Amino acid sequence: MLEKIIFELNKYYHLSEETTAALRDIFQVKLYKKNEIILNEGDYARYYYFVYSGLLGYYKQNEEGIPIYKLFFEENSFCASTAAIIEDKPSEFSIIALEDAILIRYSAEKFRNLLLKYHDLALFHIAYLEKNWVVKKEPLEINLKWESAKERYLDLYQNQTLFKRLKQHQIASYLGITPTQLSRIRKELKD
């Protein structure tokens, strides 16, 4: 099971055997049931997660307690409330298992200590952040400002493996629209 996370880490930067052994020592396999909260908004984020199987939702609740999804994490994804970890403050977001999930969890504190010790792990971390926090997120942020809900729906629709796993209210929440507006978009696209 740990081979899968090691494989994904090495996609960003090849890690030495010594670094890999140190990482294996901090990895823990955890099972989460569908709808189980992994991190509550307001709690301190103490772990990074790797999604071995399942689907996670990263969200914030509005005033009515309705989740507003920011991101979804599928298999082979790394997930955390990273800003909360970096700033050592309570998370502004919650993480929930949208399906039964197997996660590989590792302590943020221990991982950050390993970053100081192993240069190749620090290079992995830089490569990961560049790809996922700059290259991947920048178009999403721009799309929120410039694209219509219909265009954002079509973008999400392109990822069929994710799209088919989401409920309509989750899609609407992610797009920043109501379920009624989503129904109108779907009807318009069918016509």
C-alpha atoms as a PDB file:
ATOM      1  CA  MET A   1       0.000   0.000   0.000  1.00  0.00           C
ATOM      2  CA  LEU A   2       2.823   2.400   0.825  1.00  0.00           C
ATOM      3  CA  GLU A   3       4.358   1.721  -2.585  1.00  0.00           C
ATOM      4  CA  LYS A   4       1.570   3.787  -4.148  1.00  0.00           C
ATOM      5  CA  ILE A   5       2.412   6.945  -2.183  1.00  0.00           C
ATOM      6  CA  ILE A   6       6.137   6.448  -2.782  1.00  0.00           C
ATOM      7  CA  PHE A   7       5.433   6.145  -6.513  1.00  0.00           C
ATOM      8  CA  GLU A   8       3.413   9.394  -6.476  1.00  0.00           C
ATOM      9  CA  LEU A   9       6.084  11.248  -4.482  1.00  0.00           C
ATOM     10  CA  ASN A  10       8.721  10.181  -6.985  1.00  0.00           C
ATOM     11  CA  LYS A  11       6.690  11.661  -9.856  1.00  0.00           C
ATOM     12  CA  TYR A  12       7.600  15.099  -8.505  1.00  0.00           C
ATOM     13  CA  TYR A  13      11.189  14.403  -7.501  1.00  0.00           C
ATOM     14  CA  HIS A  14      13.129  11.128  -7.170  1.00  0.00           C
ATOM     15  CA  LEU A  15      13.709  10.374  -3.490  1.00  0.00           C
ATOM     16  CA  SER A  16      16.675   8.459  -2.116  1.00  0.00           C
ATOM     17  CA  GLU A  17      16.274   5.158  -0.281  1.00  0.00           C
ATOM     18  CA  GLU A  18      17.225   6.904   2.976  1.00  0.00           C
ATOM     19  CA  THR A  19      14.525   9.546   2.516  1.00  0.00           C
ATOM     20  CA  THR A  20      11.972   6.921   1.519  1.00  0.00           C
ATOM     21  CA  ALA A  21      12.755   4.871   4.645  1.00  0.00           C
ATOM     22  CA  ALA A  22      12.324   7.954   6.859  1.00  0.00           C
ATOM     23  CA  LEU A  23       8.961   8.663   5.238  1.00  0.00           C
ATOM     24  CA  ARG A  24       7.760   5.095   5.690  1.00  0.00           C
ATOM     25  CA  ASP A  25       8.338   5.539   9.429  1.00  0.00           C
ATOM     26  CA  ILE A  26       5.826   8.411   9.637  1.00  0.00           C
ATOM     27  CA  PHE A  27       3.112   6.987   7.349  1.00  0.00           C
ATOM     28  CA  GLN A  28      -0.048   5.570   8.948  1.00  0.00           C
ATOM     29  CA  VAL A  29      -2.884   3.863   7.069  1.00  0.00           C
ATOM     30  CA  LYS A  30      -6.304   5.085   8.223  1.00  0.00           C
ATOM     31  CA  LEU A  31      -9.804   4.023   7.164  1.00  0.00           C
ATOM     32  CA  TYR A  32     -12.641   6.546   7.012  1.00  0.00           C
ATOM     33  CA  LYS A  33     -16.308   5.815   6.422  1.00  0.00           C
ATOM     34  CA  LYS A  34     -18.467   7.797   4.005  1.00  0.00           C
ATOM     35  CA  ASN A  35     -19.493  11.137   5.586  1.00  0.00           C
ATOM     36  CA  GLU A  36     -16.834  10.867   8.300  1.00  0.00           C
ATOM     37  CA  ILE A  37     -15.155  14.182   9.065  1.00  0.00           C
ATOM     38  CA  ILE A  38     -11.389  14.046   8.703  1.00  0.00           C
ATOM     39  CA  LEU A  39     -10.781  17.664   9.745  1.00  0.00           C
ATOM     40  CA  ASN A  40     -13.295  20.103  11.203  1.00  0.00           C
ATOM     41  CA  GLU A  41     -13.238  23.784  10.358  1.00  0.00           C
ATOM     42  CA  GLY A  42     -11.809  25.530  13.433  1.00  0.00           C
ATOM     43  CA  ASP A  43      -9.526  22.633  14.409  1.00  0.00           C
ATOM     44  CA  TYR A  44      -5.770  22.742  14.029  1.00  0.00           C
ATOM     45  CA  ALA A  45      -4.562  20.787  11.003  1.00  0.00           C
ATOM     46  CA  ARG A  46      -1.933  18.350  12.194  1.00  0.00           C
ATOM     47  CA  TYR A  47      -1.731  15.923   9.252  1.00  0.00           C
ATOM     48  CA  TYR A  48      -1.193  15.611   5.553  1.00  0.00           C
ATOM     49  CA  TYR A  49      -3.170  12.901   3.756  1.00  0.00           C
ATOM     50  CA  PHE A  50      -2.661  10.815   0.662  1.00  0.00           C
ATOM     51  CA  VAL A  51      -5.823   9.350  -0.876  1.00  0.00           C
ATOM     52  CA  TYR A  52      -5.142   5.680  -1.516  1.00  0.00           C
ATOM     53  CA  SER A  53      -8.809   5.072  -2.337  1.00  0.00           C
ATOM     54  CA  GLY A  54     -12.031   7.021  -2.023  1.00  0.00           C
ATOM     55  CA  LEU A  55     -13.038  10.630  -2.530  1.00  0.00           C
ATOM     56  CA  LEU A  56     -12.596  13.598  -0.190  1.00  0.00           C
ATOM     57  CA  GLY A  57     -14.332  16.965  -0.162  1.00  0.00           C
ATOM     58  CA  TYR A  58     -12.626  20.155   1.028  1.00  0.00           C
ATOM     59  CA  TYR A  59     -15.229  22.698   2.067  1.00  0.00           C
ATOM     60  CA  LYS A  60     -16.342  25.622   4.211  1.00  0.00           C
ATOM     61  CA  GLN A  61     -19.852  25.991   5.594  1.00  0.00           C
ATOM     62  CA  ASN A  62     -21.948  29.060   4.808  1.00  0.00           C
ATOM     63  CA  GLU A  63     -24.132  30.863   7.351  1.00  0.00           C
ATOM     64  CA  GLU A  64     -26.893  28.243   6.917  1.00  0.00           C
ATOM     65  CA  GLY A  65     -24.471  25.377   7.552  1.00  0.00           C
ATOM     66  CA  ILE A  66     -24.452  24.302   3.898  1.00  0.00           C
ATOM     67  CA  PRO A  67     -21.064  23.052   2.650  1.00  0.00           C
ATOM     68  CA  ILE A  68     -19.439  25.120  -0.086  1.00  0.00           C
ATOM     69  CA  TYR A  69     -16.908  22.836  -1.788  1.00  0.00           C
ATOM     70  CA  LYS A  70     -13.589  24.293  -2.847  1.00  0.00           C
ATOM     71  CA  LEU A  71     -11.891  21.112  -4.037  1.00  0.00           C
ATOM     72  CA  PHE A  72     -12.332  17.374  -4.379  1.00  0.00           C
ATOM     73  CA  PHE A  73      -9.488  14.903  -3.894  1.00  0.00           C
ATOM     74  CA  GLU A  74      -9.523  11.589  -5.749  1.00  0.00           C
ATOM     75  CA  GLU A  75      -7.166   8.630  -5.552  1.00  0.00           C
ATOM     76  CA  ASN A  76      -3.451   9.461  -5.733  1.00  0.00           C
ATOM     77  CA  SER A  77      -4.033  12.999  -4.435  1.00  0.00           C
ATOM     78  CA  PHE A  78      -2.379  14.694  -1.503  1.00  0.00           C
ATOM     79  CA  CYS A  79      -4.774  16.598   0.748  1.00  0.00           C
ATOM     80  CA  ALA A  80      -4.397  18.893   3.751  1.00  0.00           C
ATOM     81  CA  SER A  81      -5.431  22.246   5.100  1.00  0.00           C
ATOM     82  CA  THR A  82      -1.998  23.437   4.047  1.00  0.00           C
ATOM     83  CA  ALA A  83      -2.409  27.127   4.883  1.00  0.00           C
ATOM     84  CA  ALA A  84      -3.498  26.207   8.419  1.00  0.00           C
ATOM     85  CA  ILE A  85      -0.458  23.925   8.791  1.00  0.00           C
ATOM     86  CA  ILE A  86       1.960  26.576   7.515  1.00  0.00           C
ATOM     87  CA  GLU A  87       0.487  29.319   9.692  1.00  0.00           C
ATOM     88  CA  ASP A  88      -0.179  27.026  12.687  1.00  0.00           C
ATOM     89  CA  LYS A  89      -3.714  28.319  13.054  1.00  0.00           C
ATOM     90  CA  PRO A  90      -7.189  26.753  13.045  1.00  0.00           C
ATOM     91  CA  SER A  91      -8.330  25.519   9.651  1.00  0.00           C
ATOM     92  CA  GLU A  92     -10.851  27.591   7.748  1.00  0.00           C
ATOM     93  CA  PHE A  93     -11.950  24.448   5.921  1.00  0.00           C
ATOM     94  CA  SER A  94     -13.232  20.986   6.724  1.00  0.00           C
ATOM     95  CA  ILE A  95     -12.305  17.727   5.020  1.00  0.00           C
ATOM     96  CA  ILE A  96     -14.913  14.973   4.673  1.00  0.00           C
ATOM     97  CA  ALA A  97     -14.882  11.468   3.206  1.00  0.00           C
ATOM     98  CA  LEU A  98     -17.478  11.564   0.415  1.00  0.00           C
ATOM     99  CA  GLU A  99     -16.968   7.813  -0.046  1.00  0.00           C
ATOM    100  CA  ASP A 100     -15.400   5.158   2.159  1.00  0.00           C
ATOM    101  CA  ALA A 101     -11.722   6.028   2.007  1.00  0.00           C
ATOM    102  CA  ILE A 102      -8.324   4.587   2.759  1.00  0.00           C
ATOM    103  CA  LEU A 103      -5.873   7.377   3.515  1.00  0.00           C
ATOM    104  CA  ILE A 104      -2.200   7.412   4.293  1.00  0.00           C
ATOM    105  CA  ARG A 105      -1.840  10.011   7.028  1.00  0.00           C
ATOM    106  CA  TYR A 106       1.403  11.579   8.173  1.00  0.00           C
ATOM    107  CA  SER A 107       2.211  14.145  10.817  1.00  0.00           C
ATOM    108  CA  ALA A 108       2.803  17.622   9.431  1.00  0.00           C
ATOM    109  CA  GLU A 109       5.343  18.318  12.164  1.00  0.00           C
ATOM    110  CA  LYS A 110       7.340  15.159  11.467  1.00  0.00           C
ATOM    111  CA  PHE A 111       7.154  15.732   7.713  1.00  0.00           C
ATOM    112  CA  ARG A 112       8.360  19.326   8.065  1.00  0.00           C
ATOM    113  CA  ASN A 113      11.271  18.104  10.223  1.00  0.00           C
ATOM    114  CA  LEU A 114      12.184  15.641   7.463  1.00  0.00           C
ATOM    115  CA  LEU A 115      12.124  18.521   4.961  1.00  0.00           C
ATOM    116  CA  LEU A 116      14.953  20.122   6.928  1.00  0.00           C
ATOM    117  CA  LYS A 117      16.948  16.910   7.049  1.00  0.00           C
ATOM    118  CA  TYR A 118      16.544  15.566   3.498  1.00  0.00           C
ATOM    119  CA  HIS A 119      17.339  17.863   0.591  1.00  0.00           C
ATOM    120  CA  ASP A 120      15.594  15.636  -1.958  1.00  0.00           C
ATOM    121  CA  LEU A 121      12.371  15.757   0.081  1.00  0.00           C
ATOM    122  CA  ALA A 122      12.565  19.562   0.150  1.00  0.00           C
ATOM    123  CA  LEU A 123      12.944  19.519  -3.643  1.00  0.00           C
ATOM    124  CA  PHE A 124       9.890  17.237  -3.879  1.00  0.00           C
ATOM    125  CA  HIS A 125       7.939  19.693  -1.730  1.00  0.00           C
ATOM    126  CA  ILE A 126       8.915  22.662  -3.897  1.00  0.00           C
ATOM    127  CA  ALA A 127       7.976  20.786  -7.096  1.00  0.00           C
ATOM    128  CA  TYR A 128       4.647  19.688  -5.582  1.00  0.00           C
ATOM    129  CA  LEU A 129       3.729  23.194  -4.436  1.00  0.00           C
ATOM    130  CA  GLU A 130       4.721  24.735  -7.765  1.00  0.00           C
ATOM    131  CA  LYS A 131       2.599  22.299  -9.754  1.00  0.00           C
ATOM    132  CA  ASN A 132      -0.450  22.117  -7.484  1.00  0.00           C
ATOM    133  CA  TRP A 133      -0.554  25.534  -5.843  1.00  0.00           C
ATOM    134  CA  VAL A 134       0.561  27.667  -8.767  1.00  0.00           C
ATOM    135  CA  VAL A 135       0.227  25.921 -12.128  1.00  0.00           C
ATOM    136  CA  LYS A 136      -2.947  23.954 -11.332  1.00  0.00           C
ATOM    137  CA  LYS A 137      -4.757  26.464  -9.098  1.00  0.00           C
ATOM    138  CA  GLU A 138      -4.141  29.642 -11.070  1.00  0.00           C
ATOM    139  CA  PRO A 139      -6.495  28.735 -13.954  1.00  0.00           C
ATOM    140  CA  LEU A 140      -9.178  27.681 -11.430  1.00  0.00           C
ATOM    141  CA  GLU A 141      -8.999  31.058  -9.702  1.00  0.00           C
ATOM    142  CA  ILE A 142      -9.137  32.941 -12.993  1.00  0.00           C
ATOM    143  CA  ASN A 143     -12.034  30.797 -14.220  1.00  0.00           C
ATOM    144  CA  LEU A 144     -14.055  31.711 -11.132  1.00  0.00           C
ATOM    145  CA  LYS A 145     -13.808  35.366 -12.115  1.00  0.00           C
ATOM    146  CA  TRP A 146     -14.266  35.103 -15.880  1.00  0.00           C
ATOM    147  CA  GLU A 147     -16.164  31.942 -16.764  1.00  0.00           C
ATOM    148  CA  SER A 148     -19.891  31.519 -16.444  1.00  0.00           C
ATOM    149  CA  ALA A 149     -21.329  28.749 -14.277  1.00  0.00           C
ATOM    150  CA  LYS A 150     -22.154  26.880 -17.483  1.00  0.00           C
ATOM    151  CA  GLU A 151     -18.527  27.038 -18.649  1.00  0.00           C
ATOM    152  CA  ARG A 152     -17.273  25.905 -15.222  1.00  0.00           C
ATOM    153  CA  TYR A 153     -19.797  23.045 -15.322  1.00  0.00           C
ATOM    154  CA  LEU A 154     -18.461  21.947 -18.710  1.00  0.00           C
ATOM    155  CA  ASP A 155     -14.895  22.108 -17.353  1.00  0.00           C
ATOM    156  CA  LEU A 156     -15.852  19.863 -14.427  1.00  0.00           C
ATOM    157  CA  TYR A 157     -17.775  17.577 -16.782  1.00  0.00           C
ATOM    158  CA  GLN A 158     -14.533  16.904 -18.683  1.00  0.00           C
ATOM    159  CA  ASN A 159     -13.247  14.942 -15.668  1.00  0.00           C
ATOM    160  CA  GLN A 160     -15.796  12.134 -15.969  1.00  0.00           C
ATOM    161  CA  THR A 161     -14.198   9.956 -13.304  1.00  0.00           C
ATOM    162  CA  LEU A 162     -14.760  12.699 -10.735  1.00  0.00           C
ATOM    163  CA  PHE A 163     -18.012  14.051 -12.198  1.00  0.00           C
ATOM    164  CA  LYS A 164     -19.801  10.698 -11.993  1.00  0.00           C
ATOM    165  CA  ARG A 165     -18.869  10.344  -8.306  1.00  0.00           C
ATOM    166  CA  LEU A 166     -20.398  13.652  -7.222  1.00  0.00           C
ATOM    167  CA  LYS A 167     -23.967  14.357  -6.190  1.00  0.00           C
ATOM    168  CA  GLN A 168     -25.801  17.229  -7.867  1.00  0.00           C
ATOM    169  CA  HIS A 169     -25.756  19.391  -4.718  1.00  0.00           C
ATOM    170  CA  GLN A 170     -21.966  18.918  -4.471  1.00  0.00           C
ATOM    171  CA  ILE A 171     -21.522  20.007  -8.079  1.00  0.00           C
ATOM    172  CA  ALA A 172     -23.757  23.053  -7.539  1.00  0.00           C
ATOM    173  CA  SER A 173     -21.844  23.970  -4.379  1.00  0.00           C
ATOM    174  CA  TYR A 174     -18.485  23.646  -6.153  1.00  0.00           C
ATOM    175  CA  LEU A 175     -19.720  25.841  -9.003  1.00  0.00           C
ATOM    176  CA  GLY A 176     -21.078  28.436  -6.571  1.00  0.00           C
ATOM    177  CA  ILE A 177     -24.668  28.108  -7.763  1.00  0.00           C
ATOM    178  CA  THR A 178     -27.931  26.714  -6.421  1.00  0.00           C
ATOM    179  CA  PRO A 179     -29.201  23.236  -7.336  1.00  0.00           C
ATOM    180  CA  THR A 180     -32.019  24.966  -9.260  1.00  0.00           C
ATOM    181  CA  GLN A 181     -29.506  26.911 -11.346  1.00  0.00           C
ATOM    182  CA  LEU A 182     -27.621  23.673 -11.985  1.00  0.00           C
ATOM    183  CA  SER A 183     -30.823  22.018 -13.196  1.00  0.00           C
ATOM    184  CA  ARG A 184     -31.362  24.893 -15.632  1.00  0.00           C
ATOM    185  CA  ILE A 185     -27.800  24.554 -16.973  1.00  0.00           C
ATOM    186  CA  ARG A 186     -28.208  20.792 -17.423  1.00  0.00           C
ATOM    187  CA  LYS A 187     -31.567  21.273 -19.183  1.00  0.00           C
ATOM    188  CA  GLU A 188     -30.101  23.940 -21.468  1.00  0.00           C
ATOM    189  CA  LEU A 189     -27.206  21.658 -22.415  1.00  0.00           C
ATOM    190  CA  LYS A 190     -29.574  18.776 -23.205  1.00  0.00           C
ATOM    191  CA  ASP A 191     -31.650  20.931 -25.584  1.00  0.00           C
END
